[in-house]
């Protein structure tokens, strides 16, 4: 879930942890499936590179239009679009 040089205490990660925990969702790390979430205009990691990695990992792909690199400078202090991906279906 973290990008290069990112860590759980920065960006929108603390917000996401709080949202999931408040909904009773276990946030213990484990891998049952993979999702690749990337932007179509990332200036740091070319979308083609993200797509290639997603294909190698057999990930479900979610492209966020005009998201940049999902940094606070790109306007990302929260990231509600990823909640449906991470929350289990009822």
Protein backbone atom coordinates (compact mmCIF):
# COMPACT_ATOMS: atom_id res chain seq x y z
CA UNK A 1 0.00 0.00 0.00
CA UNK A 2 2.95 2.29 0.49
CA UNK A 3 4.87 3.93 -2.28
CA UNK A 4 8.57 4.62 -2.44
CA UNK A 5 9.81 6.36 0.73
CA UNK A 6 6.31 6.35 2.22
CA UNK A 7 5.48 5.04 5.66
CA UNK A 8 2.33 4.45 7.73
CA UNK A 9 2.68 7.71 9.67
CA UNK A 10 2.61 10.05 6.69
CA UNK A 11 0.32 11.30 3.92
CA UNK A 12 -3.22 9.89 4.06
CA UNK A 13 -2.19 6.56 5.66
CA UNK A 14 -3.15 7.56 9.24
CA UNK A 15 -6.56 8.69 8.01
CA UNK A 16 -7.10 5.36 6.22
CA UNK A 17 -6.08 3.35 9.28
CA UNK A 18 -8.57 5.30 11.43
CA UNK A 19 -11.38 4.86 8.89
CA UNK A 20 -10.88 1.12 8.61
CA UNK A 21 -10.43 0.58 12.36
CA UNK A 22 -13.55 2.68 13.11
CA UNK A 23 -15.50 0.39 10.80
CA UNK A 24 -14.33 -2.66 12.70
CA UNK A 25 -12.02 -3.78 9.90
CA UNK A 26 -8.94 -5.71 10.98
CA UNK A 27 -5.87 -3.85 9.77
CA UNK A 28 -3.44 -6.69 10.45
CA UNK A 29 -1.13 -7.02 7.42
CA UNK A 30 -1.82 -10.04 5.20
CA UNK A 31 -2.07 -10.69 1.49
CA UNK A 32 -5.12 -12.50 0.16
CA UNK A 33 -5.44 -10.48 -3.00
CA UNK A 34 -3.65 -7.57 -4.60
CA UNK A 35 -4.95 -4.31 -5.96
CA UNK A 36 -2.94 -1.78 -7.92
CA UNK A 37 -4.17 1.76 -7.39
CA UNK A 38 -2.46 4.34 -9.52
CA UNK A 39 -3.07 7.59 -11.34
CA UNK A 40 -3.21 8.18 -15.05
CA UNK A 41 -0.95 11.23 -14.70
CA UNK A 42 1.63 10.30 -12.06
CA UNK A 43 4.70 12.52 -12.63
CA UNK A 44 6.97 10.26 -10.55
CA UNK A 45 6.02 6.70 -11.55
CA UNK A 46 4.84 6.39 -15.16
CA UNK A 47 1.36 4.81 -15.32
CA UNK A 48 2.76 2.26 -17.78
CA UNK A 49 5.21 1.06 -15.12
CA UNK A 50 2.40 0.72 -12.58
CA UNK A 51 0.32 -1.20 -15.11
CA UNK A 52 3.22 -3.55 -15.87
CA UNK A 53 3.78 -4.26 -12.16
CA UNK A 54 0.06 -4.84 -11.64
CA UNK A 55 0.06 -7.35 -14.48
CA UNK A 56 3.03 -9.22 -13.01
CA UNK A 57 1.31 -9.37 -9.61
CA UNK A 58 -2.05 -10.35 -11.16
CA UNK A 59 -3.59 -7.38 -9.36
CA UNK A 60 -7.01 -5.89 -9.79
CA UNK A 61 -6.33 -2.47 -11.33
CA UNK A 62 -7.91 0.80 -10.20
CA UNK A 63 -6.83 3.89 -12.12
CA UNK A 64 -7.61 7.19 -10.42
CA UNK A 65 -7.98 9.96 -13.03
CA UNK A 66 -5.76 13.01 -12.51
CA UNK A 67 -4.46 11.83 -9.11
CA UNK A 68 -0.82 12.69 -9.65
CA UNK A 69 1.28 10.73 -7.15
CA UNK A 70 -1.43 10.91 -4.41
CA UNK A 71 0.62 13.36 -2.36
CA UNK A 72 -0.73 16.14 -0.18
CA UNK A 73 0.60 18.54 -2.81
CA UNK A 74 -1.66 16.72 -5.29
CA UNK A 75 -4.61 17.39 -2.96
CA UNK A 76 -4.63 14.03 -1.18
CA UNK A 77 -5.05 14.34 2.58
CA UNK A 78 -7.85 11.78 2.48
CA UNK A 79 -8.50 9.10 -0.13
CA UNK A 80 -12.17 8.02 0.01
CA UNK A 81 -12.01 6.35 -3.43
CA UNK A 82 -10.02 3.46 -1.99
CA UNK A 83 -12.38 2.61 0.87
CA UNK A 84 -14.70 0.43 -1.28
CA UNK A 85 -11.65 -1.50 -2.48
CA UNK A 86 -10.45 -2.21 1.05
CA UNK A 87 -13.72 -2.79 2.89
CA UNK A 88 -15.16 -6.29 2.66
CA UNK A 89 -18.55 -6.72 1.02
CA UNK A 90 -21.43 -7.07 3.50
